[in-house]
Structure formats: structure tokens, C-alpha cells
Amino acid sequence: MVNFRDYRLVLKAELERRRSRNASYSLRAFARDLELSPSRLSRVLNGKEALSRPRAERIGGKLGFQKDQIELFCDLVDVEHASTESEQALARARVAASKASLLLD
């Protein structure tokens, strides 16, 4: 198991985990499961588009995260994409202090 500190790596690892269980599982299927368009998911995974905090909360729920894990996932998004420097700094502090981890089996 790996502890992730970048939300894109969490998503990529989950996609790979699902592919390892089902060889025909695709980015399109993953996007469907996350309720995103395949093109948007691709742009997010490639760092060309950001997630909003509300969208990150919904995705965390779709991935089956517990409440503290959803908060950590959202903070990872905010570290990069919060609208102000102070919000980014607060998110970095919460990530550093978090006891939660995003672990994939």
C-alpha cells in the first residue's frame, strides 16, 4: 500500500487498481463511475484542468473514502488549486497535520 500526497496520483492509482481487476476497464468507465466526462478526467489526470473542492468531495465519496479521507483528498486539491495563497497554505498545513492517509489496496 502507498500513501499518496498528490490527488492526481490517487486517481491514477485507483484507475490502475480497477484495470488490474478488469482488463477491459477503461478511462471512459472510470469517468462514468466518477460522474465526469472522459475528456475532463483525462485533462485532470494530465494536469491540464483542476478539480474544484465540491467536485473533489463528490469524487472522494464515489471512491468510497471515509470522511477524514475525503477531507484529505480535498485538501490535496486545495494545495494546488485554492483561489488564494492563504487558502493554499492552510491546506498544506492540514495535509501535513493529517492523520488520515489515502491508501489503496
Protein backbone atom coordinates (compact mmCIF):
# COMPACT_ATOMS: atom_id res chain seq x y z
CA MET A 1 0.00 0.00 0.00
CA VAL A 2 1.13 3.53 -0.77
CA ASN A 3 0.32 6.82 0.94
CA PHE A 4 -0.35 9.48 -1.69
CA ARG A 5 0.20 13.21 -1.35
CA ASP A 6 -0.99 14.27 -4.84
CA TYR A 7 -4.63 13.90 -5.75
CA ARG A 8 -3.84 13.04 -9.37
CA LEU A 9 -1.71 10.11 -8.26
CA VAL A 10 -4.61 8.90 -6.12
CA LEU A 11 -6.88 8.93 -9.16
CA LYS A 12 -4.31 7.30 -11.43
CA ALA A 13 -3.60 4.57 -8.87
CA GLU A 14 -7.30 3.86 -8.46
CA LEU A 15 -7.72 3.63 -12.24
CA GLU A 16 -4.82 1.17 -12.41
CA ARG A 17 -6.22 -0.85 -9.48
CA ARG A 18 -9.53 -1.18 -11.29
CA ARG A 19 -7.77 -2.10 -14.53
CA SER A 20 -5.80 -4.80 -12.75
CA ARG A 21 -9.09 -6.35 -11.61
CA ASN A 22 -10.74 -5.97 -15.02
CA ALA A 23 -8.54 -5.74 -18.11
CA SER A 24 -11.33 -4.12 -20.12
CA TYR A 25 -11.90 -1.33 -17.56
CA SER A 26 -11.23 1.95 -19.32
CA LEU A 27 -10.74 5.62 -18.62
CA ARG A 28 -14.24 6.07 -20.00
CA ALA A 29 -15.64 3.62 -17.43
CA PHE A 30 -13.71 5.34 -14.64
CA ALA A 31 -15.04 8.72 -15.76
CA ARG A 32 -18.57 7.31 -15.76
CA ASP A 33 -18.09 5.97 -12.23
CA LEU A 34 -16.80 9.37 -11.06
CA GLU A 35 -19.57 11.21 -12.96
CA LEU A 36 -17.08 13.17 -15.09
CA SER A 37 -16.76 13.34 -18.83
CA PRO A 38 -13.88 11.20 -20.14
CA SER A 39 -12.23 14.26 -21.68
CA ARG A 40 -12.41 16.19 -18.40
CA LEU A 41 -11.00 13.28 -16.43
CA SER A 42 -8.16 12.98 -18.93
CA ARG A 43 -7.38 16.69 -18.61
CA VAL A 44 -7.42 16.43 -14.81
CA LEU A 45 -5.11 13.41 -14.80
CA ASN A 46 -2.72 15.18 -17.17
CA GLY A 47 -2.63 18.36 -15.10
CA LYS A 48 -4.39 20.48 -17.71
CA GLU A 49 -7.53 21.07 -15.67
CA ALA A 50 -8.23 21.41 -11.97
CA LEU A 51 -10.87 19.94 -9.72
CA SER A 52 -12.99 22.17 -7.53
CA ARG A 53 -13.32 21.31 -3.86
CA PRO A 54 -17.03 20.39 -4.21
CA ARG A 55 -16.20 18.08 -7.14
CA ALA A 56 -13.33 16.57 -5.12
CA GLU A 57 -15.76 15.87 -2.27
CA ARG A 58 -18.10 14.03 -4.65
CA ILE A 59 -15.24 12.05 -6.18
CA GLY A 60 -13.96 11.09 -2.72
CA GLY A 61 -17.41 9.73 -1.93
CA LYS A 62 -17.53 7.84 -5.24
CA LEU A 63 -14.16 6.29 -4.40
CA GLY A 64 -15.57 5.06 -1.09
CA PHE A 65 -13.37 7.24 1.11
CA GLN A 66 -14.24 7.82 4.73
CA LYS A 67 -14.94 11.39 5.90
CA ASP A 68 -11.35 12.12 7.02
CA GLN A 69 -10.01 10.71 3.75
CA ILE A 70 -12.39 12.89 1.74
CA GLU A 71 -11.13 15.92 3.67
CA LEU A 72 -7.54 14.95 2.93
CA PHE A 73 -8.32 14.42 -0.76
CA CYS A 74 -9.98 17.86 -0.89
CA ASP A 75 -7.03 19.44 0.89
CA LEU A 76 -4.69 17.90 -1.69
CA VAL A 77 -6.78 19.59 -4.37
CA ASP A 78 -6.70 22.89 -2.47
CA VAL A 79 -2.92 22.76 -2.08
CA GLU A 80 -2.70 23.26 -5.83
CA HIS A 81 -5.93 24.98 -6.75
CA ALA A 82 -7.31 27.05 -3.87
CA SER A 83 -8.12 30.56 -5.02
CA THR A 84 -5.78 32.37 -2.61
CA GLU A 85 -2.28 31.81 -1.33
CA SER A 86 -3.55 31.77 2.25
CA GLU A 87 -6.09 29.02 1.44
CA GLN A 88 -3.31 27.01 -0.20
CA ALA A 89 -1.11 27.48 2.87
CA LEU A 90 -3.91 26.35 5.18
CA ALA A 91 -4.49 23.28 3.01
CA ARG A 92 -0.75 22.45 3.10
CA ALA A 93 -0.81 22.73 6.90
CA ARG A 94 -3.87 20.46 7.13
CA VAL A 95 -2.24 17.89 4.83
CA ALA A 96 0.95 17.94 6.91
CA ALA A 97 -1.01 17.53 10.15
CA SER A 98 -3.46 14.95 8.84
CA LYS A 99 -3.58 11.57 10.48
CA ALA A 100 -5.61 10.26 7.55
CA SER A 101 -3.95 8.63 4.63
CA LEU A 102 -5.15 7.75 1.19
CA LEU A 103 -4.24 4.11 0.85
CA LEU A 104 -5.21 1.79 -1.90
CA ASP A 105 -5.23 -1.99 -1.51
